[in-house]
Protein backbone atom coordinates (compact mmCIF):
# COMPACT_ATOMS: atom_id res chain seq x y z
CA MET A 1 64.02 -72.66 -59.80
CA VAL A 2 63.70 -69.38 -61.15
CA LEU A 3 60.35 -68.52 -60.76
CA ASP A 4 58.30 -66.91 -64.18
CA SER A 5 58.03 -63.36 -64.23
CA SER A 6 54.49 -63.79 -65.42
CA PHE A 7 53.20 -66.03 -62.62
CA ILE A 8 54.37 -63.47 -59.71
CA SER A 9 52.18 -60.72 -61.40
CA ALA A 10 49.18 -63.68 -61.99
CA ALA A 11 49.58 -64.21 -58.21
CA LEU A 12 49.30 -60.52 -57.17
CA GLU A 13 47.05 -59.27 -59.94
CA PRO A 14 44.01 -58.88 -57.77
CA LEU A 15 45.66 -55.91 -55.68
CA ARG A 16 45.54 -54.02 -58.92
CA TYR A 17 41.91 -53.93 -59.19
CA LEU A 18 41.27 -52.72 -55.58
CA PRO A 19 38.36 -49.61 -55.86
CA LEU A 20 40.58 -47.27 -54.25
CA SER A 21 39.64 -44.45 -55.64
CA GLN A 22 36.22 -45.85 -54.68
CA ILE A 23 37.35 -46.50 -50.79
CA TYR A 24 38.71 -42.59 -50.74
CA ASP A 25 35.75 -40.95 -52.26
CA GLN A 26 33.78 -43.03 -49.07
CA TYR A 27 36.53 -42.30 -46.36
CA SER A 28 38.20 -38.82 -47.94
CA VAL A 29 37.92 -37.75 -44.30
CA PHE A 30 39.93 -40.51 -42.33
CA ILE A 31 42.24 -41.76 -44.86
CA ASP A 32 43.36 -37.59 -45.23
CA PHE A 33 43.07 -37.60 -41.54
CA PHE A 34 46.06 -40.68 -41.33
CA LEU A 35 48.09 -38.63 -43.65
CA TYR A 36 47.87 -35.71 -41.49
CA LEU A 37 48.99 -37.08 -38.51
CA VAL A 38 51.65 -38.68 -40.22
CA ILE A 39 52.89 -35.30 -41.01
CA PHE A 40 52.18 -33.48 -38.19
CA LEU A 41 53.57 -35.58 -35.68
CA GLY A 42 56.61 -35.79 -37.48
CA VAL A 43 56.65 -31.88 -38.04
CA ALA A 44 56.09 -31.99 -33.54
CA ARG A 45 58.69 -33.94 -32.91
CA TRP A 46 61.09 -32.22 -34.99
CA SER A 47 60.29 -29.10 -33.57
CA LEU A 48 59.37 -29.99 -29.82
CA GLU A 49 61.64 -32.72 -28.84
CA SER A 50 65.53 -31.04 -28.15
CA ARG A 51 62.97 -28.24 -26.36
CA PHE A 52 61.03 -31.06 -24.24
CA PRO A 53 63.02 -34.20 -24.04
CA GLY A 54 61.73 -37.41 -21.91
CA ARG A 55 58.13 -38.95 -21.67
CA ALA A 56 56.58 -35.47 -21.18
CA GLY A 57 58.04 -34.45 -24.75
CA LYS A 58 56.69 -37.42 -26.34
CA ALA A 59 53.30 -36.99 -25.09
CA LEU A 60 53.51 -32.89 -26.38
CA THR A 61 54.09 -34.22 -29.23
CA ILE A 62 51.41 -36.81 -29.55
CA GLY A 63 48.88 -34.06 -28.75
CA VAL A 64 50.33 -31.51 -30.43
CA GLY A 65 50.37 -33.72 -33.84
CA THR A 66 46.95 -35.23 -33.11
CA ALA A 67 45.22 -31.55 -32.81
CA LEU A 68 46.38 -30.68 -35.55
CA ALA A 69 45.77 -33.01 -37.75
CA LEU A 70 41.62 -33.39 -36.16
CA SER A 71 41.41 -29.85 -37.01
CA LEU A 72 42.19 -29.74 -40.22
CA SER A 73 40.32 -32.63 -41.27
CA LEU A 74 37.11 -31.56 -39.39
CA ALA A 75 37.67 -28.21 -41.63
CA GLU A 76 37.65 -30.71 -45.16
CA SER A 77 35.27 -31.80 -43.72
CA SER A 78 33.16 -28.18 -42.85
CA PHE A 79 34.53 -26.58 -45.90
CA SER A 80 34.43 -29.39 -48.36
CA PHE A 81 37.48 -30.41 -49.56
CA SER A 82 40.00 -32.66 -49.15
CA ILE A 83 43.47 -33.18 -50.26
CA LYS A 84 42.77 -34.89 -53.46
CA SER A 85 41.24 -31.88 -54.52
CA PHE A 86 44.66 -29.72 -54.67
CA GLY A 87 45.78 -31.67 -57.51
CA ILE A 88 48.27 -34.33 -59.10
CA VAL A 89 51.47 -31.88 -57.92
CA ALA A 90 50.31 -31.13 -54.36
CA VAL A 91 49.35 -34.72 -54.28
CA ALA A 92 52.48 -35.84 -54.97
CA VAL A 93 54.46 -33.34 -53.01
CA LEU A 94 51.92 -34.43 -49.58
CA LEU A 95 52.55 -38.64 -50.15
CA LEU A 96 56.79 -37.71 -50.52
CA LEU A 97 56.48 -35.82 -47.35
CA VAL A 98 54.48 -38.53 -45.79
CA GLY A 99 57.19 -41.30 -47.01
CA ILE A 100 60.01 -39.50 -45.35
CA VAL A 101 58.12 -39.07 -42.12
CA LEU A 102 56.83 -42.15 -41.76
CA PHE A 103 60.53 -43.71 -42.62
CA GLN A 104 61.64 -41.95 -39.91
CA LEU A 105 58.99 -42.89 -37.32
CA ALA A 106 59.13 -46.27 -38.40
CA GLN A 107 63.44 -45.87 -37.52
CA ASN A 108 62.21 -44.53 -33.85
CA VAL A 109 59.96 -47.76 -32.77
CA GLY A 110 62.72 -50.08 -34.15
CA PHE A 111 62.12 -50.99 -37.50
CA SER A 112 65.44 -51.24 -39.79
CA VAL A 113 66.05 -49.39 -42.73
CA PHE A 114 64.93 -52.09 -44.84
CA THR A 115 61.84 -52.40 -43.28
CA ALA A 116 61.06 -48.66 -43.29
CA VAL A 117 61.78 -48.26 -46.80
CA LEU A 118 59.44 -50.78 -47.37
CA ALA A 119 56.50 -50.08 -45.16
CA ALA A 120 57.09 -45.65 -46.47
CA LEU A 121 57.26 -47.42 -50.14
CA VAL A 122 53.94 -49.52 -49.79
CA LEU A 123 52.49 -46.57 -48.04
CA ILE A 124 53.40 -43.67 -51.27
CA TYR A 125 51.64 -46.26 -53.66
CA PHE A 126 48.31 -47.15 -51.88
CA GLY A 127 48.24 -43.23 -51.42
CA ILE A 128 48.43 -42.72 -55.03
CA GLY A 129 45.98 -45.58 -55.79
CA LEU A 130 43.77 -43.07 -53.60
CA LEU A 131 44.39 -39.92 -54.39
CA THR A 132 45.29 -40.05 -57.85
CA PRO A 133 44.02 -42.74 -59.14
CA SER A 134 44.71 -42.10 -63.35
CA ALA A 135 48.33 -42.53 -61.69
CA LEU A 136 48.10 -46.20 -61.68
CA ASP A 137 46.54 -46.01 -65.18
CA TRP A 138 49.78 -44.61 -66.32
CA ILE A 139 51.50 -47.23 -64.44
CA ASP A 140 49.60 -49.73 -66.24
CA ALA A 141 50.41 -48.21 -69.29
CA ASN A 142 53.97 -47.34 -68.88
CA ALA A 143 55.38 -49.39 -65.91
CA PRO A 144 52.85 -52.49 -64.94
CA LEU A 145 56.12 -54.25 -62.93
CA LEU A 146 55.39 -51.29 -60.63
CA HIS A 147 52.41 -52.69 -59.14
CA THR A 148 54.26 -56.78 -58.94
CA ALA A 149 57.09 -54.38 -56.93
CA ALA A 150 54.78 -52.47 -54.72
CA ALA A 151 52.56 -56.36 -54.61
CA ILE A 152 56.00 -57.47 -53.35
CA ALA A 153 56.85 -54.95 -50.99
CA LEU A 154 53.40 -55.64 -49.40
CA LEU A 155 53.75 -59.36 -48.88
CA ILE A 156 57.47 -58.76 -47.53
CA LEU A 157 56.19 -56.84 -44.80
CA ILE A 158 53.15 -58.93 -43.81
CA LEU A 159 55.52 -62.31 -43.47
CA LYS A 160 57.98 -59.79 -41.05
CA GLY A 161 55.16 -59.34 -39.16
CA PHE A 162 54.69 -62.72 -38.55
CA TYR A 163 57.91 -63.75 -38.33
CA HIS A 164 58.61 -61.10 -35.52
CA LEU A 165 54.71 -62.22 -34.39
CA PHE A 166 55.71 -65.64 -33.75
CA SER A 167 59.14 -65.99 -33.07
CA ARG A 168 59.52 -63.71 -30.23
CA GLY A 169 60.05 -66.98 -27.77
CA GLY A 170 64.04 -67.06 -29.45
CA LYS A 171 66.26 -66.35 -26.43
CA ALA A 172 69.56 -65.18 -29.09
CA GLY A 173 71.55 -63.58 -27.17
CA PRO A 174 72.66 -59.53 -27.46
CA SER A 175 74.20 -58.50 -30.75
CA PRO A 176 78.06 -57.25 -30.27
CA ILE A 177 76.64 -53.78 -31.04
CA ALA A 178 74.02 -54.04 -27.98
CA ALA A 179 76.67 -55.37 -25.41
CA TRP A 180 79.56 -52.71 -26.70
CA LEU A 181 76.61 -50.42 -25.53
CA THR A 182 75.70 -51.96 -22.46
CA LYS A 183 79.09 -52.17 -21.35
CA ALA A 184 79.30 -48.10 -22.06
CA GLU A 185 76.15 -46.85 -20.40
CA THR A 186 77.61 -49.27 -17.15
CA ASP A 187 80.72 -47.57 -17.21
CA THR A 188 79.05 -43.93 -17.69
CA ALA A 189 76.32 -44.79 -14.91
CA THR A 190 79.45 -45.64 -12.37
CA VAL A 191 80.81 -42.43 -13.03
CA GLU A 192 77.92 -40.47 -12.71
CA ARG A 193 77.17 -41.56 -9.57
CA GLN A 194 80.07 -41.19 -7.87
CA THR A 195 80.40 -37.61 -9.11
CA LEU A 196 77.08 -36.98 -8.04
CA GLU A 197 77.92 -38.04 -4.97
CA SER A 198 81.11 -35.80 -4.62
CA GLU A 199 78.76 -33.25 -6.41
CA ALA A 200 76.12 -33.11 -3.11
CA PRO A 201 78.45 -32.19 0.30
CA ALA A 202 79.31 -28.75 -2.00
CA LEU A 203 75.69 -27.85 -2.69
CA ALA A 204 74.72 -28.69 1.09
CA GLY A 205 77.40 -26.55 2.54
CA ALA A 206 76.90 -24.02 -0.11
CA ARG A 207 72.76 -23.79 1.27
CA SER A 208 74.62 -24.12 5.40
CA GLU A 209 76.42 -20.76 4.71
CA ILE A 210 73.66 -19.46 2.87
CA LYS A 211 71.04 -20.06 6.03
CA THR A 212 73.75 -18.13 7.90
CA ALA A 213 74.39 -15.65 6.01
CA GLU A 214 70.34 -14.60 5.61
CA ASN A 215 70.23 -14.97 9.68
CA GLU A 216 73.14 -12.59 10.23
CA MET A 217 71.68 -10.19 7.33
CA ALA A 218 68.00 -10.19 9.06
CA THR A 219 69.81 -9.73 12.47
CA LEU A 220 72.28 -6.94 11.29
CA ALA A 221 68.73 -5.16 9.62
CA ARG A 222 67.17 -5.28 12.64
CA GLN A 223 69.75 -3.88 15.35
CA THR A 224 70.75 -1.03 12.63
CA GLY A 225 69.37 2.13 14.65
CA PRO A 226 70.67 5.94 15.47
CA ASP A 227 74.03 4.91 17.51
CA ILE A 228 75.44 3.03 14.58
CA GLN A 229 78.22 5.22 14.63
CA THR A 230 79.44 3.92 18.20
CA PRO A 231 82.68 1.82 18.29
CA GLN A 232 80.44 -1.12 19.41
CA ALA A 233 78.10 -0.25 16.52
CA GLN A 234 80.72 -0.09 13.67
CA SER A 235 83.17 -2.92 15.01
CA TYR A 236 79.58 -5.23 14.86
CA ILE A 237 78.92 -3.87 11.37
CA HIS A 238 82.22 -4.52 10.04
CA ALA A 239 82.44 -8.16 11.83
CA VAL A 240 78.86 -9.18 9.85
CA LEU A 241 80.63 -7.91 6.54
CA ARG A 242 83.97 -9.73 6.75
CA ARG A 243 82.12 -12.90 7.15
CA ALA A 244 79.69 -12.24 4.49
CA ARG A 245 82.76 -11.84 2.54
CA ASP A 246 84.59 -14.63 3.33
CA ARG A 247 81.15 -16.63 2.80
CA ASP A 248 80.82 -15.46 -0.71
CA MET A 249 84.39 -16.70 -1.38
CA VAL A 250 83.37 -19.98 0.00
CA LEU A 251 80.36 -19.79 -2.05
CA ARG A 252 82.03 -19.17 -5.06
CA GLN A 253 84.47 -22.17 -4.16
CA ARG A 254 81.87 -24.49 -4.23
CA LEU A 255 79.90 -23.26 -7.47
CA ASP A 256 83.42 -23.53 -9.50
CA GLN A 257 83.19 -27.21 -7.91
CA VAL A 258 79.61 -27.58 -9.06
CA GLN A 259 80.58 -26.94 -12.79
CA MET A 260 83.41 -28.56 -12.77
CA LEU A 261 82.06 -31.70 -11.79
CA ASN A 262 78.87 -30.81 -13.65
CA ARG A 263 80.88 -30.56 -17.01
CA LYS A 264 82.77 -34.13 -16.42
CA LEU A 265 78.95 -35.47 -16.22
CA GLU A 266 77.63 -33.51 -19.74
CA ALA A 267 80.89 -34.58 -21.29
CA PHE A 268 80.59 -38.15 -20.07
CA ASP A 269 76.80 -38.20 -21.29
CA LEU A 270 77.62 -36.30 -24.15
CA GLY A 271 79.49 -39.08 -25.48
CA LEU A 272 77.03 -41.36 -24.66
CA PHE A 273 74.74 -40.17 -26.16
CA HIS A 274 76.81 -40.00 -29.17
CA ASN A 275 77.33 -43.38 -29.23
CA LEU A 276 74.27 -44.39 -28.80
CA LYS A 277 72.63 -41.96 -31.76
CA SER A 278 75.23 -43.39 -34.50
CA HIS A 279 75.19 -47.48 -33.19
CA GLN A 280 71.67 -47.87 -32.22
CA GLN A 281 70.67 -47.51 -35.88
CA THR A 282 72.30 -50.52 -36.98
CA LEU A 283 70.10 -52.64 -34.43
CA ALA A 284 66.86 -54.10 -35.09
CA GLY A 285 63.68 -55.03 -32.81
CA PRO A 286 63.79 -54.99 -29.39
CA GLU A 287 67.53 -53.89 -28.83
CA ARG A 288 66.69 -51.00 -31.12
CA VAL A 289 63.41 -50.29 -28.77
CA ARG A 290 65.47 -50.57 -25.86
CA PHE A 291 68.25 -48.24 -26.60
CA ARG A 292 65.98 -45.44 -28.13
CA LYS A 293 64.43 -45.62 -25.18
CA ASP A 294 68.16 -45.31 -23.30
CA LEU A 295 68.89 -42.49 -25.88
CA ASP A 296 65.71 -40.28 -25.15
CA ARG A 297 67.14 -40.92 -21.22
CA GLU A 298 70.58 -39.30 -22.10
CA ARG A 299 68.87 -36.60 -23.63
CA VAL A 300 66.93 -35.76 -20.65
CA LYS A 301 70.02 -36.06 -18.41
CA ILE A 302 72.16 -33.51 -20.79
CA TYR A 303 69.08 -30.86 -21.01
CA ARG A 304 69.33 -31.13 -16.89
CA GLU A 305 72.76 -30.91 -16.52
CA ARG A 306 72.34 -27.87 -18.83
CA GLU A 307 69.90 -26.64 -16.22
CA VAL A 308 72.97 -26.92 -13.58
CA THR A 309 75.15 -24.94 -15.50
CA ASP A 310 72.49 -22.28 -16.09
CA LEU A 311 71.63 -21.97 -12.35
CA ALA A 312 75.71 -21.96 -11.36
CA ASN A 313 75.92 -19.25 -13.58
CA ASP A 314 73.59 -17.12 -12.34
CA ALA A 315 73.95 -17.74 -8.58
CA LYS A 316 77.63 -16.52 -10.00
CA THR A 317 75.88 -13.38 -11.46
CA GLN A 318 73.85 -12.68 -7.86
CA LEU A 319 76.95 -13.01 -6.20
CA VAL A 320 78.66 -9.94 -7.84
CA ARG A 321 75.32 -8.09 -6.89
CA LEU A 322 75.41 -9.42 -3.18
CA GLU A 323 79.16 -7.65 -3.26
CA THR A 324 78.41 -4.24 -4.62
CA VAL A 325 75.33 -4.28 -2.10
CA LEU A 326 77.52 -4.84 1.07
CA GLN A 327 79.65 -2.24 -0.24
CA VAL A 328 77.74 0.27 -0.42
CA LEU A 329 76.14 -0.83 2.99
CA GLU A 330 79.59 -0.21 4.76
CA ASP A 331 79.71 2.98 2.92
CA ALA A 332 76.47 3.94 4.54
CA ALA A 333 77.05 2.16 7.83
CA THR A 334 80.72 4.23 8.05
CA LYS A 335 79.30 7.58 7.08
CA GLY A 336 75.99 7.16 10.31
CA ASP A 337 73.14 6.98 7.69
CA SER A 338 71.44 4.15 9.36
CA GLY A 339 68.55 4.05 6.85
CA GLY A 340 70.21 3.23 3.80
CA ALA A 341 72.37 0.79 6.10
CA ARG A 342 69.51 -1.07 6.99
CA ALA A 343 68.10 -0.67 3.21
CA TYR A 344 71.24 -2.26 2.05
CA ALA A 345 71.25 -5.08 4.73
CA LEU A 346 67.53 -5.74 3.73
CA LYS A 347 68.49 -6.14 -0.30
CA ALA A 348 71.61 -7.79 1.00
CA LEU A 349 68.94 -10.20 2.92
CA ARG A 350 66.91 -10.61 -0.61
CA ILE A 351 69.86 -11.64 -2.65
CA ASP A 352 70.63 -14.37 0.24
CA LYS A 353 67.08 -15.64 -0.15
CA ASN A 354 67.33 -15.85 -3.85
CA LEU A 355 70.64 -17.74 -3.65
CA ASP A 356 69.37 -20.08 -1.29
CA ARG A 357 66.32 -20.63 -3.71
CA SER A 358 68.68 -21.27 -6.82
CA MET A 359 71.11 -23.84 -4.24
CA ALA A 360 67.43 -25.39 -3.25
CA ARG A 361 66.78 -25.60 -7.06
CA LEU A 362 70.23 -27.01 -7.78
CA GLN A 363 69.82 -29.81 -5.23
CA ASP A 364 66.61 -31.36 -6.80
CA ILE A 365 68.12 -31.15 -10.48
CA GLU A 366 71.12 -33.03 -8.66
CA ARG A 367 68.53 -35.27 -6.95
CA ARG A 368 66.47 -36.24 -10.65
CA LEU A 369 70.00 -36.87 -12.27
CA MET A 370 70.92 -39.31 -9.62
CA SER A 371 67.03 -41.11 -9.91
CA ILE A 372 67.47 -41.05 -13.89
CA ILE A 373 70.79 -42.95 -14.00
CA PRO A 374 70.32 -46.90 -14.15
CA SER A 375 71.52 -49.21 -11.65
CA ALA A 376 73.94 -51.87 -12.46
CA SER A 377 71.57 -54.64 -13.35
CA GLN A 378 69.09 -52.28 -15.11
CA SER A 379 72.53 -51.20 -17.24
CA LYS A 380 72.88 -54.87 -17.90
CA ARG A 381 68.97 -55.79 -19.16
């Protein structure tokens, strides 16, 4: 049976006579606050999410978006203006932006593309009614079916809401894509745990080498005195410097190992990140929400792994500086310059302490990475 279009129009006719303009005039500050909030949340998310991933980034996004929306709404109240006062062109551009941002936000919280489009279109329609009621008069005269289309879209959204509300008890298995992504996460987590476990001894060994270097350099600085040119003092200084250079070489090897393993980790995480980003768009409901959270976790892991790369590069730069300082220290000791030798021994000691802090930071990041990686039971949710 085909429903007569006049029957649909008659059934949805009351929506055409909602006093939208009066509602806006009475509650313009609150309505504008909502519209501003949608836009500023989208802008804040776009600008801050990549720099501040994870829960902290989300909290910052919400805080910045809310603060900006509230500030503009308070300015409206103080200076007696509203979105409506900017004219129809500004309103049209603003509503288009709100629709685009709402579409993105709806997708991010798990709505399908179809539902997100409907939500954005319904918001734009009611926004037109609130902000430019004359546009509804034009629709009445030239495209009355748009009223019906908007009402049908709203009805579909309401029905979908009731469907999801009362169908949570279903126990359908995961979709094929969700099952494939779950296996990819499990495989990646296994490799990552093995890789991080193999990095741990390299970092622990590096810190041990640095601690020994600190102790020897501190002793050298204390014992350097007027008798620096005696055979015993020269022999001791050269022995300390030789061991320091040997340790530096070992440290470089350990840092190379950490960077190699970290590149492996980052490659796995980037691969999983791109798979999640491309395929989670095809999911809907709880599955999409779940993999959206997993996508955020991968973003945090990649951020941490790049921190490891930066710290390791910084440590290598410090080792180059240390080699220069050791050479100057040796030259000063050979010339009998006890003051210069002591000064450069203390400078080498400061570099060693900086290296130790870098290694401690690397260990801390590795522990955080290990805590982020899901266990086998978590990956198979």
